[in-house]
Amino acid sequence: MKNLGSRVPLTEPAEVREARRLTLPGQADWGVGPETCRECLYWQGGNRMSDGTLKKARCQKAQQLTPGLPAIPHWAPRCKKYFTPNLDPPKVFVK
């Protein structure tokens, strides 16, 4: 078998593995935390389930980049590149 010159790394640095593990489908970039998507202006949530907890919501930045991505939970670690602090994020639970 002939090597065509393409090199595929067999291992990733630990920080890349961790970011990949933290990232959920629907996020605009790698998840890094410690802040959460709920604390970002792009997370357009606020609707609640009957028990008072936040429902999943779409990331507006992710929708601009790739329309049709799924909604993400409020607890997802914030993304590395596009996080913009929301000065008044919705509370996690309201009775």
Protein backbone atom coordinates (compact mmCIF):
# COMPACT_ATOMS: atom_id res chain seq x y z
CA MET A 1 0.00 0.00 0.00
CA LYS A 2 1.42 3.35 -1.04
CA ASN A 3 1.57 6.29 1.37
CA LEU A 4 -0.02 9.30 -0.35
CA GLY A 5 1.54 11.78 2.05
CA SER A 6 -1.54 12.38 4.17
CA ARG A 7 -0.74 12.39 7.84
CA VAL A 8 -3.43 11.61 10.36
CA PRO A 9 -2.45 12.16 13.97
CA LEU A 10 -3.04 9.03 16.01
CA THR A 11 -3.33 10.92 19.28
CA GLU A 12 -4.77 14.27 20.29
CA PRO A 13 -3.57 16.55 23.07
CA ALA A 14 -5.54 16.15 26.30
CA GLU A 15 -7.11 19.63 26.00
CA VAL A 16 -8.49 18.79 22.53
CA ARG A 17 -9.98 15.52 23.80
CA GLU A 18 -11.59 17.34 26.72
CA ALA A 19 -13.07 20.09 24.49
CA ARG A 20 -14.44 17.43 22.13
CA ARG A 21 -15.99 15.59 25.09
CA LEU A 22 -17.65 18.76 26.43
CA THR A 23 -19.06 19.95 23.09
CA LEU A 24 -22.67 19.12 22.22
CA PRO A 25 -24.31 19.08 18.78
CA GLY A 26 -25.80 22.52 18.21
CA GLN A 27 -22.94 24.56 19.69
CA ALA A 28 -21.17 27.18 17.57
CA ASP A 29 -17.65 26.16 18.64
CA TRP A 30 -15.79 23.85 21.02
CA GLY A 31 -17.24 23.75 24.54
CA VAL A 32 -14.74 24.93 27.14
CA GLY A 33 -16.67 26.29 30.17
CA PRO A 34 -16.63 27.05 33.03
CA GLU A 35 -19.49 29.39 32.09
CA THR A 36 -22.54 27.80 30.46
CA CYS A 37 -24.54 28.50 27.31
CA ARG A 38 -27.32 29.97 29.47
CA GLU A 39 -24.95 32.81 30.35
CA CYS A 40 -24.40 33.80 26.68
CA LEU A 41 -26.38 36.33 24.63
CA TYR A 42 -26.62 33.86 21.72
CA TRP A 43 -28.50 31.23 23.77
CA GLN A 44 -32.09 32.20 23.12
CA GLY A 45 -33.76 30.31 25.96
CA GLY A 46 -36.15 31.21 28.71
CA ASN A 47 -39.05 28.86 28.06
CA ARG A 48 -39.69 26.50 30.94
CA MET A 49 -41.01 23.01 31.55
CA SER A 50 -43.87 22.43 33.97
CA ASP A 51 -41.42 21.85 36.85
CA GLY A 52 -39.87 25.33 36.35
CA THR A 53 -36.58 24.24 34.77
CA LEU A 54 -35.29 25.70 31.52
CA LYS A 55 -35.99 23.94 28.24
CA LYS A 56 -33.31 23.43 25.60
CA ALA A 57 -32.84 26.39 23.24
CA ARG A 58 -31.02 27.12 20.01
CA CYS A 59 -27.75 29.00 19.84
CA GLN A 60 -28.32 31.91 17.45
CA LYS A 61 -24.63 32.04 16.46
CA ALA A 62 -24.63 28.32 15.61
CA GLN A 63 -27.79 28.83 13.54
CA GLN A 64 -26.10 31.67 11.62
CA LEU A 65 -23.12 29.43 10.88
CA THR A 66 -25.01 26.18 10.20
CA PRO A 67 -28.83 26.46 10.06
CA GLY A 68 -30.83 23.55 11.38
CA LEU A 69 -28.63 22.52 14.30
CA PRO A 70 -30.45 21.10 17.33
CA ALA A 71 -31.26 22.97 20.53
CA ILE A 72 -28.82 22.70 23.43
CA PRO A 73 -29.39 22.51 27.18
CA HIS A 74 -28.67 25.49 29.41
CA TRP A 75 -25.92 23.60 31.25
CA ALA A 76 -23.73 23.02 28.15
CA PRO A 77 -20.23 24.48 28.65
CA ARG A 78 -19.89 27.79 26.84
CA CYS A 79 -18.15 27.78 23.48
CA LYS A 80 -14.58 28.91 23.06
CA LYS A 81 -14.88 31.38 20.20
CA TYR A 82 -18.31 33.06 20.24
CA PHE A 83 -19.25 33.36 23.92
CA THR A 84 -20.71 36.82 24.62
CA PRO A 85 -21.72 37.37 28.26
CA ASN A 86 -25.40 37.99 28.96
CA LEU A 87 -25.68 40.49 31.81
CA ASP A 88 -29.12 39.13 32.77
CA PRO A 89 -29.21 35.39 31.97
CA PRO A 90 -32.36 33.41 32.79
CA LYS A 91 -32.40 31.60 36.11
CA VAL A 92 -31.97 27.83 35.96
CA PHE A 93 -35.07 27.12 38.07
CA VAL A 94 -38.13 29.20 38.90
CA LYS A 95 -40.97 27.99 41.14
